[in-house]
N, C-alpha and C. Protein backbone atom coordinates (compact mmCIF):
# COMPACT_ATOMS: atom_id res chain seq x y z
N MET A 1 18.66 29.61 -13.39
CA MET A 1 17.45 28.93 -12.98
C MET A 1 16.71 29.84 -11.99
N SER A 2 15.43 29.95 -12.19
CA SER A 2 14.63 30.82 -11.32
C SER A 2 14.37 30.14 -9.97
N LYS A 3 13.98 30.94 -8.98
CA LYS A 3 13.67 30.39 -7.66
C LYS A 3 12.49 29.44 -7.73
N GLU A 4 11.51 29.75 -8.56
CA GLU A 4 10.34 28.89 -8.68
C GLU A 4 10.72 27.53 -9.24
N THR A 5 11.60 27.52 -10.25
CA THR A 5 12.05 26.27 -10.84
C THR A 5 12.84 25.45 -9.84
N ALA A 6 13.74 26.10 -9.11
CA ALA A 6 14.52 25.41 -8.09
C ALA A 6 13.61 24.85 -7.01
N HIS A 7 12.61 25.61 -6.61
CA HIS A 7 11.65 25.15 -5.60
C HIS A 7 10.88 23.93 -6.10
N ASP A 8 10.47 23.96 -7.37
CA ASP A 8 9.75 22.82 -7.94
C ASP A 8 10.62 21.57 -7.97
N TYR A 9 11.87 21.72 -8.38
CA TYR A 9 12.79 20.58 -8.41
C TYR A 9 13.04 20.04 -7.01
N PHE A 10 13.23 20.94 -6.05
CA PHE A 10 13.45 20.53 -4.67
C PHE A 10 12.26 19.73 -4.16
N GLY A 11 11.06 20.22 -4.41
CA GLY A 11 9.86 19.50 -3.99
C GLY A 11 9.74 18.14 -4.65
N TYR A 12 10.05 18.07 -5.94
CA TYR A 12 9.96 16.81 -6.67
C TYR A 12 10.93 15.79 -6.10
N TYR A 13 12.19 16.19 -5.93
CA TYR A 13 13.20 15.24 -5.48
C TYR A 13 13.04 14.86 -4.02
N THR A 14 12.56 15.76 -3.18
CA THR A 14 12.31 15.37 -1.79
C THR A 14 11.15 14.39 -1.71
N GLN A 15 10.13 14.60 -2.53
CA GLN A 15 9.01 13.66 -2.56
C GLN A 15 9.47 12.29 -3.05
N LYS A 16 10.29 12.28 -4.08
CA LYS A 16 10.80 11.01 -4.62
C LYS A 16 11.65 10.28 -3.58
N ALA A 17 12.49 11.02 -2.85
CA ALA A 17 13.33 10.39 -1.82
C ALA A 17 12.45 9.73 -0.77
N GLY A 18 11.39 10.40 -0.36
CA GLY A 18 10.46 9.80 0.61
C GLY A 18 9.78 8.57 0.05
N ASP A 19 9.34 8.65 -1.19
CA ASP A 19 8.69 7.49 -1.84
C ASP A 19 9.63 6.29 -1.88
N ILE A 20 10.87 6.54 -2.25
CA ILE A 20 11.85 5.46 -2.38
C ILE A 20 12.15 4.84 -1.02
N VAL A 21 12.29 5.67 0.01
CA VAL A 21 12.55 5.14 1.35
C VAL A 21 11.40 4.25 1.81
N ARG A 22 10.17 4.68 1.57
CA ARG A 22 9.03 3.86 1.97
C ARG A 22 9.00 2.54 1.21
N GLN A 23 9.28 2.57 -0.09
CA GLN A 23 9.30 1.34 -0.88
C GLN A 23 10.43 0.42 -0.41
N LEU A 24 11.61 1.00 -0.17
CA LEU A 24 12.72 0.19 0.32
C LEU A 24 12.41 -0.40 1.69
N GLY A 25 11.70 0.36 2.51
CA GLY A 25 11.31 -0.13 3.83
C GLY A 25 10.41 -1.35 3.73
N LEU A 26 9.41 -1.28 2.86
CA LEU A 26 8.51 -2.42 2.69
C LEU A 26 9.24 -3.63 2.13
N VAL A 27 10.09 -3.42 1.16
CA VAL A 27 10.86 -4.52 0.59
C VAL A 27 11.82 -5.09 1.64
N GLY A 28 12.42 -4.21 2.43
CA GLY A 28 13.34 -4.66 3.48
C GLY A 28 12.66 -5.52 4.52
N VAL A 29 11.46 -5.11 4.95
CA VAL A 29 10.71 -5.92 5.92
C VAL A 29 10.39 -7.29 5.31
N GLY A 30 10.02 -7.30 4.05
CA GLY A 30 9.77 -8.57 3.36
C GLY A 30 11.02 -9.43 3.27
N ALA A 31 12.15 -8.81 3.02
CA ALA A 31 13.41 -9.56 2.94
C ALA A 31 13.79 -10.13 4.30
N VAL A 32 13.60 -9.35 5.37
CA VAL A 32 13.89 -9.86 6.72
C VAL A 32 12.99 -11.04 7.03
N TRP A 33 11.72 -10.91 6.71
CA TRP A 33 10.77 -12.00 6.96
C TRP A 33 11.16 -13.25 6.17
N THR A 34 11.51 -13.06 4.90
CA THR A 34 11.90 -14.19 4.06
C THR A 34 13.17 -14.85 4.58
N LEU A 35 14.17 -14.05 4.93
CA LEU A 35 15.41 -14.62 5.46
C LEU A 35 15.15 -15.36 6.77
N HIS A 36 14.31 -14.81 7.61
CA HIS A 36 13.99 -15.49 8.87
C HIS A 36 13.32 -16.83 8.60
N THR A 37 12.41 -16.85 7.65
CA THR A 37 11.69 -18.08 7.31
C THR A 37 12.64 -19.12 6.72
N ILE A 38 13.55 -18.69 5.86
CA ILE A 38 14.49 -19.62 5.23
C ILE A 38 15.50 -20.14 6.24
N LEU A 39 16.01 -19.26 7.10
CA LEU A 39 17.08 -19.64 8.01
C LEU A 39 16.60 -20.43 9.21
N ASP A 40 15.35 -20.28 9.58
CA ASP A 40 14.86 -20.97 10.77
C ASP A 40 13.42 -21.39 10.55
N GLU A 41 13.19 -22.69 10.53
CA GLU A 41 11.86 -23.20 10.23
C GLU A 41 10.89 -23.14 11.40
N SER A 42 11.39 -23.08 12.65
CA SER A 42 10.47 -23.10 13.79
C SER A 42 9.94 -21.70 14.07
N PRO A 43 8.60 -21.55 14.07
CA PRO A 43 8.01 -20.23 14.26
C PRO A 43 8.18 -19.67 15.67
N GLU A 44 8.46 -20.54 16.68
CA GLU A 44 8.60 -20.08 18.04
C GLU A 44 9.95 -19.42 18.31
N SER A 45 10.94 -19.72 17.50
CA SER A 45 12.28 -19.22 17.78
C SER A 45 12.37 -17.72 17.54
N ALA A 46 13.26 -17.11 18.25
CA ALA A 46 13.45 -15.66 18.14
C ALA A 46 14.19 -15.33 16.86
N PHE A 47 13.99 -14.10 16.43
CA PHE A 47 14.75 -13.61 15.28
C PHE A 47 16.23 -13.61 15.60
N ASP A 48 17.01 -13.86 14.60
CA ASP A 48 18.45 -13.70 14.69
C ASP A 48 18.75 -12.24 15.06
N HIS A 49 19.76 -12.01 15.88
CA HIS A 49 20.09 -10.65 16.32
C HIS A 49 20.37 -9.71 15.13
N GLU A 50 21.03 -10.24 14.12
CA GLU A 50 21.34 -9.41 12.95
C GLU A 50 20.06 -9.00 12.22
N LEU A 51 19.11 -9.94 12.12
CA LEU A 51 17.84 -9.61 11.47
C LEU A 51 17.05 -8.60 12.29
N LYS A 52 17.09 -8.75 13.63
CA LYS A 52 16.41 -7.77 14.49
C LYS A 52 17.00 -6.38 14.29
N PHE A 53 18.32 -6.30 14.26
CA PHE A 53 18.98 -5.01 14.08
C PHE A 53 18.61 -4.39 12.74
N THR A 54 18.57 -5.21 11.71
CA THR A 54 18.18 -4.73 10.39
C THR A 54 16.74 -4.21 10.40
N LEU A 55 15.86 -4.94 11.05
CA LEU A 55 14.47 -4.52 11.15
C LEU A 55 14.34 -3.21 11.94
N VAL A 56 15.13 -3.07 12.99
CA VAL A 56 15.13 -1.82 13.77
C VAL A 56 15.59 -0.65 12.90
N LEU A 57 16.64 -0.86 12.11
CA LEU A 57 17.11 0.21 11.22
C LEU A 57 16.04 0.61 10.21
N ILE A 58 15.35 -0.36 9.64
CA ILE A 58 14.29 -0.06 8.68
C ILE A 58 13.19 0.74 9.35
N CYS A 59 12.79 0.31 10.54
CA CYS A 59 11.74 1.04 11.27
C CYS A 59 12.20 2.45 11.64
N MET A 60 13.46 2.59 12.00
CA MET A 60 14.00 3.92 12.31
C MET A 60 13.93 4.83 11.09
N SER A 61 14.31 4.30 9.94
CA SER A 61 14.29 5.10 8.72
C SER A 61 12.88 5.53 8.37
N LEU A 62 11.93 4.62 8.50
CA LEU A 62 10.54 4.97 8.22
C LEU A 62 10.00 5.96 9.26
N SER A 63 10.47 5.85 10.50
CA SER A 63 10.07 6.81 11.53
C SER A 63 10.63 8.20 11.24
N VAL A 64 11.85 8.27 10.77
CA VAL A 64 12.44 9.57 10.39
C VAL A 64 11.66 10.17 9.22
N ASP A 65 11.21 9.32 8.31
CA ASP A 65 10.40 9.79 7.19
C ASP A 65 9.10 10.42 7.70
N LEU A 66 8.44 9.75 8.64
CA LEU A 66 7.23 10.31 9.24
C LEU A 66 7.53 11.59 10.00
N LEU A 67 8.62 11.59 10.76
CA LEU A 67 9.00 12.78 11.52
C LEU A 67 9.27 13.97 10.60
N GLN A 68 9.84 13.69 9.42
CA GLN A 68 10.08 14.77 8.45
C GLN A 68 8.77 15.44 8.07
N TYR A 69 7.74 14.65 7.82
CA TYR A 69 6.44 15.22 7.45
C TYR A 69 5.83 16.01 8.59
N ILE A 70 5.97 15.50 9.81
CA ILE A 70 5.40 16.21 10.97
C ILE A 70 6.12 17.53 11.18
N VAL A 71 7.45 17.50 11.22
CA VAL A 71 8.23 18.73 11.42
C VAL A 71 8.01 19.69 10.27
N GLY A 72 8.00 19.17 9.05
CA GLY A 72 7.76 20.03 7.89
C GLY A 72 6.42 20.72 7.95
N SER A 73 5.40 19.97 8.36
CA SER A 73 4.06 20.57 8.48
C SER A 73 4.05 21.69 9.51
N VAL A 74 4.68 21.45 10.64
CA VAL A 74 4.71 22.46 11.70
C VAL A 74 5.50 23.69 11.24
N VAL A 75 6.68 23.47 10.68
CA VAL A 75 7.53 24.60 10.27
C VAL A 75 6.87 25.42 9.17
N TRP A 76 6.34 24.75 8.16
CA TRP A 76 5.68 25.50 7.08
C TRP A 76 4.41 26.18 7.58
N GLY A 77 3.73 25.55 8.53
CA GLY A 77 2.55 26.19 9.12
C GLY A 77 2.92 27.45 9.87
N ILE A 78 4.02 27.39 10.62
CA ILE A 78 4.50 28.59 11.33
C ILE A 78 4.92 29.66 10.34
N ASN A 79 5.62 29.26 9.30
CA ASN A 79 6.03 30.22 8.27
C ASN A 79 4.82 30.89 7.63
N TRP A 80 3.81 30.09 7.33
CA TRP A 80 2.60 30.64 6.72
C TRP A 80 1.90 31.58 7.69
N HIS A 81 1.81 31.16 8.95
CA HIS A 81 1.14 31.99 9.95
C HIS A 81 1.86 33.32 10.17
N ASN A 82 3.18 33.30 10.13
CA ASN A 82 3.97 34.51 10.35
C ASN A 82 4.22 35.30 9.08
N ASN A 83 3.59 34.87 7.98
CA ASN A 83 3.79 35.53 6.69
C ASN A 83 5.28 35.63 6.37
N ALA A 84 5.94 34.47 6.35
CA ALA A 84 7.40 34.43 6.26
C ALA A 84 7.94 34.62 4.86
N GLU A 85 7.11 35.04 3.92
CA GLU A 85 7.65 35.26 2.58
C GLU A 85 8.72 36.34 2.59
N GLN A 86 8.64 37.22 3.57
CA GLN A 86 9.62 38.30 3.65
C GLN A 86 10.89 37.87 4.36
N LYS A 87 10.89 36.70 4.96
CA LYS A 87 12.03 36.25 5.76
C LYS A 87 12.72 35.08 5.05
N ALA A 88 13.71 35.38 4.28
CA ALA A 88 14.39 34.35 3.49
C ALA A 88 15.10 33.34 4.38
N HIS A 89 15.59 33.76 5.55
CA HIS A 89 16.33 32.84 6.41
C HIS A 89 15.44 31.72 6.95
N THR A 90 14.15 31.96 7.10
CA THR A 90 13.27 30.88 7.57
C THR A 90 13.09 29.81 6.50
N HIS A 91 13.07 30.25 5.23
CA HIS A 91 12.99 29.27 4.14
C HIS A 91 14.28 28.47 4.06
N THR A 92 15.40 29.12 4.26
CA THR A 92 16.69 28.43 4.23
C THR A 92 16.76 27.39 5.35
N LEU A 93 16.29 27.76 6.54
CA LEU A 93 16.26 26.82 7.66
C LEU A 93 15.37 25.63 7.35
N THR A 94 14.20 25.88 6.79
CA THR A 94 13.27 24.81 6.45
C THR A 94 13.86 23.87 5.42
N ILE A 95 14.50 24.43 4.41
CA ILE A 95 15.13 23.60 3.37
C ILE A 95 16.28 22.80 3.97
N GLY A 96 17.04 23.41 4.86
CA GLY A 96 18.13 22.70 5.52
C GLY A 96 17.63 21.55 6.37
N LEU A 97 16.55 21.77 7.11
CA LEU A 97 15.95 20.70 7.90
C LEU A 97 15.47 19.55 7.02
N THR A 98 14.83 19.90 5.93
CA THR A 98 14.34 18.88 5.00
C THR A 98 15.49 18.06 4.45
N ALA A 99 16.55 18.72 4.02
CA ALA A 99 17.72 18.02 3.48
C ALA A 99 18.35 17.12 4.54
N ALA A 100 18.41 17.58 5.78
CA ALA A 100 18.98 16.77 6.86
C ALA A 100 18.14 15.52 7.11
N PHE A 101 16.82 15.67 7.14
CA PHE A 101 15.95 14.51 7.32
C PHE A 101 16.13 13.50 6.19
N ILE A 102 16.19 14.01 4.96
CA ILE A 102 16.35 13.11 3.81
C ILE A 102 17.67 12.35 3.91
N ALA A 103 18.74 13.06 4.20
CA ALA A 103 20.05 12.42 4.31
C ALA A 103 20.04 11.37 5.42
N PHE A 104 19.47 11.72 6.57
CA PHE A 104 19.45 10.81 7.72
C PHE A 104 18.68 9.54 7.40
N LYS A 105 17.49 9.68 6.83
CA LYS A 105 16.69 8.48 6.56
C LYS A 105 17.31 7.62 5.46
N LEU A 106 17.95 8.23 4.48
CA LEU A 106 18.61 7.45 3.43
C LEU A 106 19.84 6.73 3.97
N ILE A 107 20.58 7.37 4.86
CA ILE A 107 21.76 6.72 5.46
C ILE A 107 21.31 5.52 6.30
N ILE A 108 20.28 5.71 7.10
CA ILE A 108 19.79 4.60 7.93
C ILE A 108 19.30 3.44 7.06
N MET A 109 18.55 3.76 6.01
CA MET A 109 18.06 2.70 5.13
C MET A 109 19.23 2.02 4.41
N GLY A 110 20.23 2.80 4.02
CA GLY A 110 21.42 2.21 3.41
C GLY A 110 22.12 1.25 4.34
N LEU A 111 22.22 1.61 5.63
CA LEU A 111 22.82 0.70 6.62
C LEU A 111 22.00 -0.58 6.76
N ALA A 112 20.68 -0.44 6.74
CA ALA A 112 19.81 -1.62 6.84
C ALA A 112 20.06 -2.56 5.66
N TYR A 113 20.16 -1.99 4.47
CA TYR A 113 20.39 -2.83 3.29
C TYR A 113 21.79 -3.41 3.29
N LEU A 114 22.75 -2.70 3.83
CA LEU A 114 24.10 -3.25 3.97
C LEU A 114 24.07 -4.45 4.91
N MET A 115 23.31 -4.33 6.01
CA MET A 115 23.16 -5.45 6.94
C MET A 115 22.50 -6.64 6.24
N LEU A 116 21.46 -6.38 5.45
CA LEU A 116 20.81 -7.48 4.71
C LEU A 116 21.79 -8.16 3.76
N LEU A 117 22.60 -7.37 3.08
CA LEU A 117 23.59 -7.94 2.17
C LEU A 117 24.60 -8.79 2.93
N LEU A 118 25.09 -8.29 4.05
CA LEU A 118 26.06 -9.05 4.84
C LEU A 118 25.45 -10.35 5.38
N ILE A 119 24.20 -10.28 5.83
CA ILE A 119 23.54 -11.50 6.32
C ILE A 119 23.39 -12.50 5.18
N PHE A 120 22.97 -12.02 4.03
CA PHE A 120 22.79 -12.89 2.87
C PHE A 120 24.12 -13.55 2.48
N LEU A 121 25.18 -12.75 2.42
CA LEU A 121 26.49 -13.29 2.03
C LEU A 121 27.02 -14.27 3.07
N GLU A 122 26.75 -14.02 4.34
CA GLU A 122 27.22 -14.91 5.40
C GLU A 122 26.48 -16.23 5.42
N LYS A 123 25.17 -16.19 5.19
CA LYS A 123 24.34 -17.39 5.32
C LYS A 123 24.29 -18.23 4.05
N PHE A 124 24.53 -17.61 2.90
CA PHE A 124 24.41 -18.37 1.65
C PHE A 124 25.73 -18.43 0.99
């Protein structure tokens, strides 16, 4: 496989991972809202601690997704400015950072969905 093909696949799958995290985040917020509405009819009452924690995890995952774009923009901008095509180690570092962000946000979102599943199984 050529470097260009590998680069294209990497770009495609990193974009898809970000898309999926954002979609899961929106669905997760909706699920938290729905569970809160079903479990407690009074609008003045506070969220259940488990639901709050789940919502925090979802927000953290979405924040890591945003941070990935910010850091990626800065790093690729620096690479472009320094004409880093000759420096393979800077590309390796950038790819490593991207992979770490993807793994981190997917793990956090996975924990949020695990919490939703546990809340659902406990309450119903």
